[in-house]
Amino acid sequence: MPLSLVVTGASRHDVSQLEAVLDSFQVERPESFEIPQHLCLDNGYRGESALEIIVLRGFIPHIRGRRQERMEKQNTAGFKARRWIVEAAHSWMNRFRKILVRFEKLESSYLGLLMFACAFIAFRKAFII
């Protein structure tokens, strides 16, 4: 389910918005840090500044490239890939034709449509098998 959403221009790299995304979570994290909080990312977040942001917010980063996961999946029985989650969320949002191509001039209008799509995705995942 989508947990956070940030709207930027099309030419911005994902890692430049990492802080904003982690700060805008809509679901409260558990107060007890006895349960480790994991964050699965791709190779774009391998830099020192990104890792510092992740660790300072109490997450354990899991950063692997596609080739690494493919090799581990072939060599380890029962291995579950983790990187697909973000790509799957983008795919779920692309099914809403209204937001696939942005025609809204105001950021607030587009953000509202994205929030509606995220709420609809969450509803489907929670109540429909």
C-alpha atoms as a PDB file:
ATOM      1  CA  MET A   1       0.000   0.000   0.000  1.00  0.00           C
ATOM      2  CA  PRO A   2       1.254   3.516  -0.667  1.00  0.00           C
ATOM      3  CA  LEU A   3       2.493   5.090   2.582  1.00  0.00           C
ATOM      4  CA  SER A   4       3.851   8.412   1.358  1.00  0.00           C
ATOM      5  CA  LEU A   5       3.496  10.724  -1.625  1.00  0.00           C
ATOM      6  CA  VAL A   6       5.492  13.719  -2.842  1.00  0.00           C
ATOM      7  CA  VAL A   7       4.885  15.604  -6.108  1.00  0.00           C
ATOM      8  CA  THR A   8       7.842  17.182  -7.937  1.00  0.00           C
ATOM      9  CA  GLY A   9       8.808  18.172 -11.440  1.00  0.00           C
ATOM     10  CA  ALA A  10       9.502  15.449 -13.967  1.00  0.00           C
ATOM     11  CA  SER A  11      13.249  16.018 -14.136  1.00  0.00           C
ATOM     12  CA  ARG A  12      13.980  15.600 -10.397  1.00  0.00           C
ATOM     13  CA  HIS A  13      15.894  12.492  -9.316  1.00  0.00           C
ATOM     14  CA  ASP A  14      14.206  10.309  -6.681  1.00  0.00           C
ATOM     15  CA  VAL A  15      17.084  10.494  -4.211  1.00  0.00           C
ATOM     16  CA  SER A  16      16.757  14.293  -4.011  1.00  0.00           C
ATOM     17  CA  GLN A  17      13.277  13.834  -2.522  1.00  0.00           C
ATOM     18  CA  LEU A  18      14.149  11.040  -0.086  1.00  0.00           C
ATOM     19  CA  GLU A  19      13.922  13.275   2.984  1.00  0.00           C
ATOM     20  CA  ALA A  20      10.534  14.666   1.957  1.00  0.00           C
ATOM     21  CA  VAL A  21       9.139  11.189   1.273  1.00  0.00           C
ATOM     22  CA  LEU A  22      10.322   9.758   4.595  1.00  0.00           C
ATOM     23  CA  ASP A  23       8.964  12.778   6.478  1.00  0.00           C
ATOM     24  CA  SER A  24       5.528  12.607   4.844  1.00  0.00           C
ATOM     25  CA  PHE A  25       4.525   9.081   5.940  1.00  0.00           C
ATOM     26  CA  GLN A  26       0.779   8.903   6.537  1.00  0.00           C
ATOM     27  CA  VAL A  27       0.986   5.833   8.785  1.00  0.00           C
ATOM     28  CA  GLU A  28       2.401   6.199  12.281  1.00  0.00           C
ATOM     29  CA  ARG A  29       5.515   4.145  12.895  1.00  0.00           C
ATOM     30  CA  PRO A  30       5.622   2.049  16.076  1.00  0.00           C
ATOM     31  CA  GLU A  31       7.036   3.891  19.088  1.00  0.00           C
ATOM     32  CA  SER A  32       9.043   0.844  20.081  1.00  0.00           C
ATOM     33  CA  PHE A  33      12.149   0.466  17.978  1.00  0.00           C
ATOM     34  CA  GLU A  34      12.553  -3.101  19.194  1.00  0.00           C
ATOM     35  CA  ILE A  35      10.926  -4.110  15.929  1.00  0.00           C
ATOM     36  CA  PRO A  36      13.412  -3.132  13.216  1.00  0.00           C
ATOM     37  CA  GLN A  37      12.011  -0.925  10.461  1.00  0.00           C
ATOM     38  CA  HIS A  38      13.337  -1.926   7.042  1.00  0.00           C
ATOM     39  CA  LEU A  39      13.451   0.199   3.886  1.00  0.00           C
ATOM     40  CA  CYS A  40      13.924  -1.473   0.484  1.00  0.00           C
ATOM     41  CA  LEU A  41      15.516   0.700  -2.192  1.00  0.00           C
ATOM     42  CA  ASP A  42      17.258   0.420  -5.536  1.00  0.00           C
ATOM     43  CA  ASN A  43      20.834   1.352  -6.493  1.00  0.00           C
ATOM     44  CA  GLY A  44      19.923   5.027  -6.924  1.00  0.00           C
ATOM     45  CA  TYR A  45      19.959   5.410  -3.132  1.00  0.00           C
ATOM     46  CA  ARG A  46      23.429   3.931  -2.555  1.00  0.00           C
ATOM     47  CA  GLY A  47      25.140   7.300  -1.904  1.00  0.00           C
ATOM     48  CA  GLU A  48      26.460   8.399   1.497  1.00  0.00           C
ATOM     49  CA  SER A  49      23.970  11.262   1.919  1.00  0.00           C
ATOM     50  CA  ALA A  50      21.001   8.995   1.207  1.00  0.00           C
ATOM     51  CA  LEU A  51      22.244   6.320   3.578  1.00  0.00           C
ATOM     52  CA  GLU A  52      22.729   8.931   6.293  1.00  0.00           C
ATOM     53  CA  ILE A  53      19.138  10.178   5.873  1.00  0.00           C
ATOM     54  CA  ILE A  54      17.808   6.613   6.042  1.00  0.00           C
ATOM     55  CA  VAL A  55      19.774   5.621   9.133  1.00  0.00           C
ATOM     56  CA  LEU A  56      19.020   8.876  10.995  1.00  0.00           C
ATOM     57  CA  ARG A  57      15.302   8.166  10.626  1.00  0.00           C
ATOM     58  CA  GLY A  58      15.692   4.718  12.187  1.00  0.00           C
ATOM     59  CA  PHE A  59      15.454   2.499   9.113  1.00  0.00           C
ATOM     60  CA  ILE A  60      17.627  -0.426   8.107  1.00  0.00           C
ATOM     61  CA  PRO A  61      18.407   0.077   4.396  1.00  0.00           C
ATOM     62  CA  HIS A  62      18.224  -2.832   1.941  1.00  0.00           C
ATOM     63  CA  ILE A  63      19.796  -1.638  -1.292  1.00  0.00           C
ATOM     64  CA  ARG A  64      20.288  -4.176  -4.047  1.00  0.00           C
ATOM     65  CA  GLY A  65      20.431  -3.994  -7.791  1.00  0.00           C
ATOM     66  CA  ARG A  66      18.322  -6.119 -10.099  1.00  0.00           C
ATOM     67  CA  ARG A  67      21.234  -8.382 -10.961  1.00  0.00           C
ATOM     68  CA  GLN A  68      22.030  -9.044  -7.282  1.00  0.00           C
ATOM     69  CA  GLU A  69      18.455 -10.047  -6.469  1.00  0.00           C
ATOM     70  CA  ARG A  70      18.191 -12.242  -9.550  1.00  0.00           C
ATOM     71  CA  MET A  71      21.382 -14.099  -8.611  1.00  0.00           C
ATOM     72  CA  GLU A  72      20.298 -14.507  -4.993  1.00  0.00           C
ATOM     73  CA  LYS A  73      16.877 -15.758  -6.075  1.00  0.00           C
ATOM     74  CA  GLN A  74      18.511 -18.417  -8.251  1.00  0.00           C
ATOM     75  CA  ASN A  75      20.988 -19.488  -5.568  1.00  0.00           C
ATOM     76  CA  THR A  76      18.800 -19.329  -2.421  1.00  0.00           C
ATOM     77  CA  ALA A  77      15.701 -21.449  -1.981  1.00  0.00           C
ATOM     78  CA  GLY A  78      12.724 -19.463  -0.676  1.00  0.00           C
ATOM     79  CA  PHE A  79      14.325 -16.046  -1.328  1.00  0.00           C
ATOM     80  CA  LYS A  80      11.737 -13.281  -1.820  1.00  0.00           C
ATOM     81  CA  ALA A  81      12.670 -10.221  -3.845  1.00  0.00           C
ATOM     82  CA  ARG A  82      11.906  -6.868  -2.179  1.00  0.00           C
ATOM     83  CA  ARG A  83      12.599  -4.280  -4.878  1.00  0.00           C
ATOM     84  CA  TRP A  84       9.390  -4.885  -6.825  1.00  0.00           C
ATOM     85  CA  ILE A  85       7.206  -3.094  -4.283  1.00  0.00           C
ATOM     86  CA  VAL A  86       7.836   0.451  -5.531  1.00  0.00           C
ATOM     87  CA  GLU A  87       7.519  -0.568  -9.182  1.00  0.00           C
ATOM     88  CA  ALA A  88       4.240  -2.338  -8.368  1.00  0.00           C
ATOM     89  CA  ALA A  89       2.881   0.793  -6.655  1.00  0.00           C
ATOM     90  CA  HIS A  90       3.733   2.863  -9.743  1.00  0.00           C
ATOM     91  CA  SER A  91       1.973   0.275 -11.896  1.00  0.00           C
ATOM     92  CA  TRP A  92      -1.141   0.390  -9.680  1.00  0.00           C
ATOM     93  CA  MET A  93      -1.222   4.192  -9.990  1.00  0.00           C
ATOM     94  CA  ASN A  94      -0.715   4.064 -13.769  1.00  0.00           C
ATOM     95  CA  ARG A  95      -4.029   2.215 -14.055  1.00  0.00           C
ATOM     96  CA  PHE A  96      -5.789   5.500 -13.277  1.00  0.00           C
ATOM     97  CA  ARG A  97      -5.844   7.115 -16.714  1.00  0.00           C
ATOM     98  CA  LYS A  98      -6.633  10.553 -15.323  1.00  0.00           C
ATOM     99  CA  ILE A  99      -3.256  10.736 -13.560  1.00  0.00           C
ATOM    100  CA  LEU A 100      -1.172   8.776 -16.069  1.00  0.00           C
ATOM    101  CA  VAL A 101      -0.670  11.954 -18.115  1.00  0.00           C
ATOM    102  CA  ARG A 102      -0.795  15.142 -16.085  1.00  0.00           C
ATOM    103  CA  PHE A 103      -3.211  17.691 -17.527  1.00  0.00           C
ATOM    104  CA  GLU A 104      -3.902  19.566 -14.280  1.00  0.00           C
ATOM    105  CA  LYS A 105      -2.211  22.961 -14.099  1.00  0.00           C
ATOM    106  CA  LEU A 106      -2.257  23.266 -10.311  1.00  0.00           C
ATOM    107  CA  GLU A 107      -0.094  21.055  -8.143  1.00  0.00           C
ATOM    108  CA  SER A 108      -2.863  20.887  -5.528  1.00  0.00           C
ATOM    109  CA  SER A 109      -5.329  19.453  -8.079  1.00  0.00           C
ATOM    110  CA  TYR A 110      -2.872  16.802  -9.203  1.00  0.00           C
ATOM    111  CA  LEU A 111      -1.927  15.965  -5.613  1.00  0.00           C
ATOM    112  CA  GLY A 112      -5.598  15.512  -4.774  1.00  0.00           C
ATOM    113  CA  LEU A 113      -6.033  13.051  -7.642  1.00  0.00           C
ATOM    114  CA  LEU A 114      -2.926  11.144  -6.558  1.00  0.00           C
ATOM    115  CA  MET A 115      -4.187  10.965  -2.970  1.00  0.00           C
ATOM    116  CA  PHE A 116      -7.532   9.671  -4.189  1.00  0.00           C
ATOM    117  CA  ALA A 117      -5.760   6.992  -6.255  1.00  0.00           C
ATOM    118  CA  CYS A 118      -3.639   5.975  -3.239  1.00  0.00           C
ATOM    119  CA  ALA A 119      -6.727   5.782  -1.020  1.00  0.00           C
ATOM    120  CA  PHE A 120      -8.513   3.656  -3.614  1.00  0.00           C
ATOM    121  CA  ILE A 121      -5.497   1.324  -3.910  1.00  0.00           C
ATOM    122  CA  ALA A 122      -5.338   0.999  -0.105  1.00  0.00           C
ATOM    123  CA  PHE A 123      -9.070   0.247   0.044  1.00  0.00           C
ATOM    124  CA  ARG A 124      -8.750  -2.469  -2.605  1.00  0.00           C
ATOM    125  CA  LYS A 125      -5.749  -4.055  -0.896  1.00  0.00           C
ATOM    126  CA  ALA A 126      -7.434  -4.025   2.533  1.00  0.00           C
ATOM    127  CA  PHE A 127     -10.929  -5.188   1.658  1.00  0.00           C
ATOM    128  CA  ILE A 128     -10.780  -7.056  -1.643  1.00  0.00           C
ATOM    129  CA  ILE A 129      -8.937 -10.337  -1.921  1.00  0.00           C
END
